[in-house]
C-alpha atoms as a PDB file:
ATOM      1  CA  MET A   1      23.877  73.260 -48.356  1.00  0.00           C
ATOM      2  CA  ASP A   2      23.262  70.041 -46.456  1.00  0.00           C
ATOM      3  CA  VAL A   3      19.952  68.188 -46.201  1.00  0.00           C
ATOM      4  CA  ALA A   4      19.131  69.406 -42.677  1.00  0.00           C
ATOM      5  CA  GLU A   5      19.575  73.056 -43.672  1.00  0.00           C
ATOM      6  CA  SER A   6      17.437  72.529 -46.759  1.00  0.00           C
ATOM      7  CA  VAL A   7      14.627  70.935 -44.730  1.00  0.00           C
ATOM      8  CA  ASN A   8      14.845  73.724 -42.141  1.00  0.00           C
ATOM      9  CA  GLU A   9      14.464  76.329 -44.884  1.00  0.00           C
ATOM     10  CA  LEU A  10      11.424  74.521 -46.320  1.00  0.00           C
ATOM     11  CA  TYR A  11       9.916  74.338 -42.834  1.00  0.00           C
ATOM     12  CA  GLU A  12      10.396  78.070 -42.282  1.00  0.00           C
ATOM     13  CA  GLU A  13       8.765  78.817 -45.659  1.00  0.00           C
ATOM     14  CA  ALA A  14       5.808  76.467 -45.116  1.00  0.00           C
ATOM     15  CA  SER A  15       2.446  78.159 -44.723  1.00  0.00           C
ATOM     16  CA  ASP A  16       1.291  75.431 -42.291  1.00  0.00           C
ATOM     17  CA  LYS A  17       4.291  74.355 -40.236  1.00  0.00           C
ATOM     18  CA  ASN A  18       2.317  71.677 -38.350  1.00  0.00           C
ATOM     19  CA  ALA A  19       1.153  70.050 -41.589  1.00  0.00           C
ATOM     20  CA  PHE A  20       4.664  70.193 -43.025  1.00  0.00           C
ATOM     21  CA  ALA A  21       6.148  68.565 -39.915  1.00  0.00           C
ATOM     22  CA  GLY A  22       3.429  65.896 -40.011  1.00  0.00           C
ATOM     23  CA  CYS A  23       4.237  65.148 -43.646  1.00  0.00           C
ATOM     24  CA  LEU A  24       7.921  64.788 -42.830  1.00  0.00           C
ATOM     25  CA  VAL A  25       7.173  62.365 -39.990  1.00  0.00           C
ATOM     26  CA  ARG A  26       4.860  60.365 -42.264  1.00  0.00           C
ATOM     27  CA  LEU A  27       7.471  60.340 -45.030  1.00  0.00           C
ATOM     28  CA  ALA A  28      10.192  59.130 -42.650  1.00  0.00           C
ATOM     29  CA  GLY A  29       7.887  56.474 -41.223  1.00  0.00           C
ATOM     30  CA  HIS A  30       7.003  55.110 -44.647  1.00  0.00           C
ATOM     31  CA  ASP A  31      10.693  55.065 -45.579  1.00  0.00           C
ATOM     32  CA  MET A  32      11.463  53.062 -42.434  1.00  0.00           C
ATOM     33  CA  MET A  33       8.575  50.613 -42.995  1.00  0.00           C
ATOM     34  CA  ASP A  34       9.634  49.907 -46.581  1.00  0.00           C
ATOM     35  CA  PHE A  35      11.688  46.874 -45.587  1.00  0.00           C
ATOM     36  CA  ARG A  36      11.590  43.710 -47.639  1.00  0.00           C
ATOM     37  CA  TYR A  37      12.789  40.198 -46.894  1.00  0.00           C
ATOM     38  CA  HIS A  38      13.679  38.091 -49.924  1.00  0.00           C
ATOM     39  CA  PHE A  39      13.518  34.333 -49.496  1.00  0.00           C
ATOM     40  CA  ASP A  40      15.080  31.425 -51.360  1.00  0.00           C
ATOM     41  CA  THR A  41      12.977  29.177 -53.562  1.00  0.00           C
ATOM     42  CA  ASN A  42      11.753  27.055 -50.639  1.00  0.00           C
ATOM     43  CA  GLY A  43      10.442  30.216 -48.971  1.00  0.00           C
ATOM     44  CA  LYS A  44      12.103  29.456 -45.649  1.00  0.00           C
ATOM     45  CA  THR A  45      15.556  31.047 -45.733  1.00  0.00           C
ATOM     46  CA  VAL A  46      16.134  34.803 -45.986  1.00  0.00           C
ATOM     47  CA  THR A  47      18.610  35.438 -48.794  1.00  0.00           C
ATOM     48  CA  ASN A  48      18.520  39.225 -48.862  1.00  0.00           C
ATOM     49  CA  GLN A  49      17.204  42.076 -46.754  1.00  0.00           C
ATOM     50  CA  ARG A  50      16.613  45.414 -48.454  1.00  0.00           C
ATOM     51  CA  GLY A  51      14.967  48.660 -47.657  1.00  0.00           C
ATOM     52  CA  GLY A  52      14.353  50.271 -44.337  1.00  0.00           C
ATOM     53  CA  SER A  53      15.484  53.827 -43.631  1.00  0.00           C
ATOM     54  CA  ASP A  54      17.462  54.332 -46.797  1.00  0.00           C
ATOM     55  CA  GLY A  55      15.928  57.560 -48.096  1.00  0.00           C
ATOM     56  CA  CYS A  56      14.081  55.808 -50.909  1.00  0.00           C
ATOM     57  CA  ILE A  57      10.294  55.919 -51.183  1.00  0.00           C
ATOM     58  CA  ASN A  58       8.278  53.938 -53.716  1.00  0.00           C
ATOM     59  CA  PHE A  59       5.517  56.420 -54.490  1.00  0.00           C
ATOM     60  CA  ASP A  60       3.747  53.797 -56.618  1.00  0.00           C
ATOM     61  CA  ASP A  61       3.201  51.554 -53.564  1.00  0.00           C
ATOM     62  CA  PRO A  62      -0.456  51.890 -52.483  1.00  0.00           C
ATOM     63  CA  ASP A  63       0.678  52.218 -48.842  1.00  0.00           C
ATOM     64  CA  ASN A  64       2.446  55.457 -49.784  1.00  0.00           C
ATOM     65  CA  LYS A  65      -0.579  57.027 -51.457  1.00  0.00           C
ATOM     66  CA  GLY A  66      -0.815  60.761 -50.853  1.00  0.00           C
ATOM     67  CA  LEU A  67       2.763  61.358 -49.709  1.00  0.00           C
ATOM     68  CA  ILE A  68       3.685  63.420 -52.759  1.00  0.00           C
ATOM     69  CA  GLU A  69       0.585  65.580 -52.428  1.00  0.00           C
ATOM     70  CA  CYS A  70       1.178  65.982 -48.704  1.00  0.00           C
ATOM     71  CA  ILE A  71       4.630  67.459 -49.273  1.00  0.00           C
ATOM     72  CA  GLU A  72       3.638  69.528 -52.309  1.00  0.00           C
ATOM     73  CA  GLU A  73       0.667  71.135 -50.561  1.00  0.00           C
ATOM     74  CA  THR A  74       2.615  72.393 -47.553  1.00  0.00           C
END
């Protein structure tokens, strides 16, 4: 089963479809906003760019507080 089918099944099973959809949008948005620039020692030149929409969420980041509960509750 692919990811889209799995998400569709979870959506169909959700007791509050609007809340579930809202959680998914929030989750995707936080994934996209998790983009980090890494600079060299002088702090002026970007040496690495990581993150963005890569499917990884740092649930320990304070900005992502409540995402786990949002998904679990719906």
